[in-house]
């Protein structure tokens, strides 16, 4: 599945981010790449599952999506965006 590739991509950028120890601009770039890869994972996973299961996936997703939104599953993505914004605001030393 292509979703595994996206997860590996996110893991790659997160590992690189950890190695920067907050040094800019590398930390900012790797944070941006990790956020993009994590977002892409959900979209690719949906596409993969839709390709495998067709209408059954659409019916299942329609019933589950509101539950995920209520549970605040997207909050991790928002927190990563906050980190990215903070990193961009830090002066380069």
Protein backbone atom coordinates (compact mmCIF):
# COMPACT_ATOMS: atom_id res chain seq x y z
CA UNK A 1 0.00 0.00 0.00
CA UNK A 2 1.16 3.50 -0.77
CA UNK A 3 0.22 4.59 2.75
CA UNK A 4 3.18 2.63 4.12
CA UNK A 5 5.46 4.68 1.86
CA UNK A 6 3.98 7.91 3.24
CA UNK A 7 4.48 6.69 6.82
CA UNK A 8 8.10 5.87 6.05
CA UNK A 9 8.48 9.34 4.58
CA UNK A 10 7.09 10.94 7.74
CA UNK A 11 9.36 8.79 9.93
CA UNK A 12 12.35 9.83 7.83
CA UNK A 13 11.66 13.54 8.29
CA UNK A 14 10.86 13.17 11.99
CA UNK A 15 14.17 11.36 12.54
CA UNK A 16 16.00 14.10 10.65
CA UNK A 17 14.16 16.74 12.67
CA UNK A 18 15.35 15.13 15.91
CA UNK A 19 18.95 15.30 14.68
CA UNK A 20 18.74 19.06 14.10
CA UNK A 21 18.38 19.70 17.86
CA UNK A 22 16.32 22.76 16.99
CA UNK A 23 18.90 24.36 14.72
CA UNK A 24 17.34 26.60 12.10
CA UNK A 25 16.61 26.58 9.26
CA UNK A 26 16.96 22.78 9.13
CA UNK A 27 14.44 22.24 11.97
CA UNK A 28 11.89 24.39 10.19
CA UNK A 29 12.33 22.53 6.90
CA UNK A 30 12.13 19.06 8.43
CA UNK A 31 9.08 20.04 10.50
CA UNK A 32 7.32 21.27 7.37
CA UNK A 33 8.19 18.07 5.50
CA UNK A 34 7.03 15.85 8.39
CA UNK A 35 3.69 17.68 8.64
CA UNK A 36 3.14 17.37 4.89
CA UNK A 37 3.96 13.67 4.95
CA UNK A 38 1.65 13.01 7.90
CA UNK A 39 -1.21 14.82 6.20
CA UNK A 40 -0.55 12.94 3.01
CA UNK A 41 -0.67 9.62 4.85
CA UNK A 42 -4.34 9.99 5.70
CA UNK A 43 -5.27 10.98 2.15
CA UNK A 44 -3.28 8.16 0.56
CA UNK A 45 -4.67 5.64 3.05
CA UNK A 46 -8.20 6.68 2.14
CA UNK A 47 -7.39 6.35 -1.57
CA UNK A 48 -5.81 2.92 -1.04
CA UNK A 49 -8.79 1.66 0.93
CA UNK A 50 -11.27 3.13 -1.54
CA UNK A 51 -9.41 1.34 -4.34
CA UNK A 52 -9.58 -1.97 -2.44
CA UNK A 53 -13.12 -1.79 -1.10
CA UNK A 54 -14.89 0.74 -3.31
CA UNK A 55 -18.33 1.77 -2.10
CA UNK A 56 -17.99 -0.26 1.10
CA UNK A 57 -15.15 2.03 2.16
CA UNK A 58 -17.19 5.14 1.34
CA UNK A 59 -20.07 3.89 3.49
CA UNK A 60 -17.74 2.95 6.35
CA UNK A 61 -15.85 6.26 6.15
CA UNK A 62 -19.08 8.28 6.14
CA UNK A 63 -20.07 6.64 9.42
CA UNK A 64 -16.63 6.98 11.08
CA UNK A 65 -15.45 10.41 9.98
CA UNK A 66 -17.75 12.35 12.34
CA UNK A 67 -16.50 10.21 15.25
CA UNK A 68 -12.89 11.06 14.47
CA UNK A 69 -13.66 14.75 14.17
CA UNK A 70 -15.51 14.70 17.50
CA UNK A 71 -12.60 12.91 19.16
CA UNK A 72 -10.19 15.60 17.95
CA UNK A 73 -8.01 13.21 15.97
CA UNK A 74 -6.79 16.12 13.87
CA UNK A 75 -5.36 17.85 16.95
CA UNK A 76 -1.93 16.21 16.49
CA UNK A 77 -1.73 17.75 13.05
CA UNK A 78 -2.62 21.16 14.47
CA UNK A 79 0.06 20.86 17.17
CA UNK A 80 2.66 20.07 14.52
CA UNK A 81 1.58 23.17 12.61
CA UNK A 82 2.02 25.24 15.79
CA UNK A 83 5.56 23.91 16.17
CA UNK A 84 6.24 24.79 12.56
CA UNK A 85 5.00 28.36 13.07
CA UNK A 86 7.05 28.76 16.25
CA UNK A 87 10.15 27.44 14.53
CA UNK A 88 9.67 29.95 11.72
CA UNK A 89 9.44 32.80 14.23
CA UNK A 90 12.72 31.99 15.99
CA UNK A 91 15.62 34.24 15.10
CA UNK A 92 18.55 32.60 13.35
CA UNK A 93 21.59 32.62 15.61
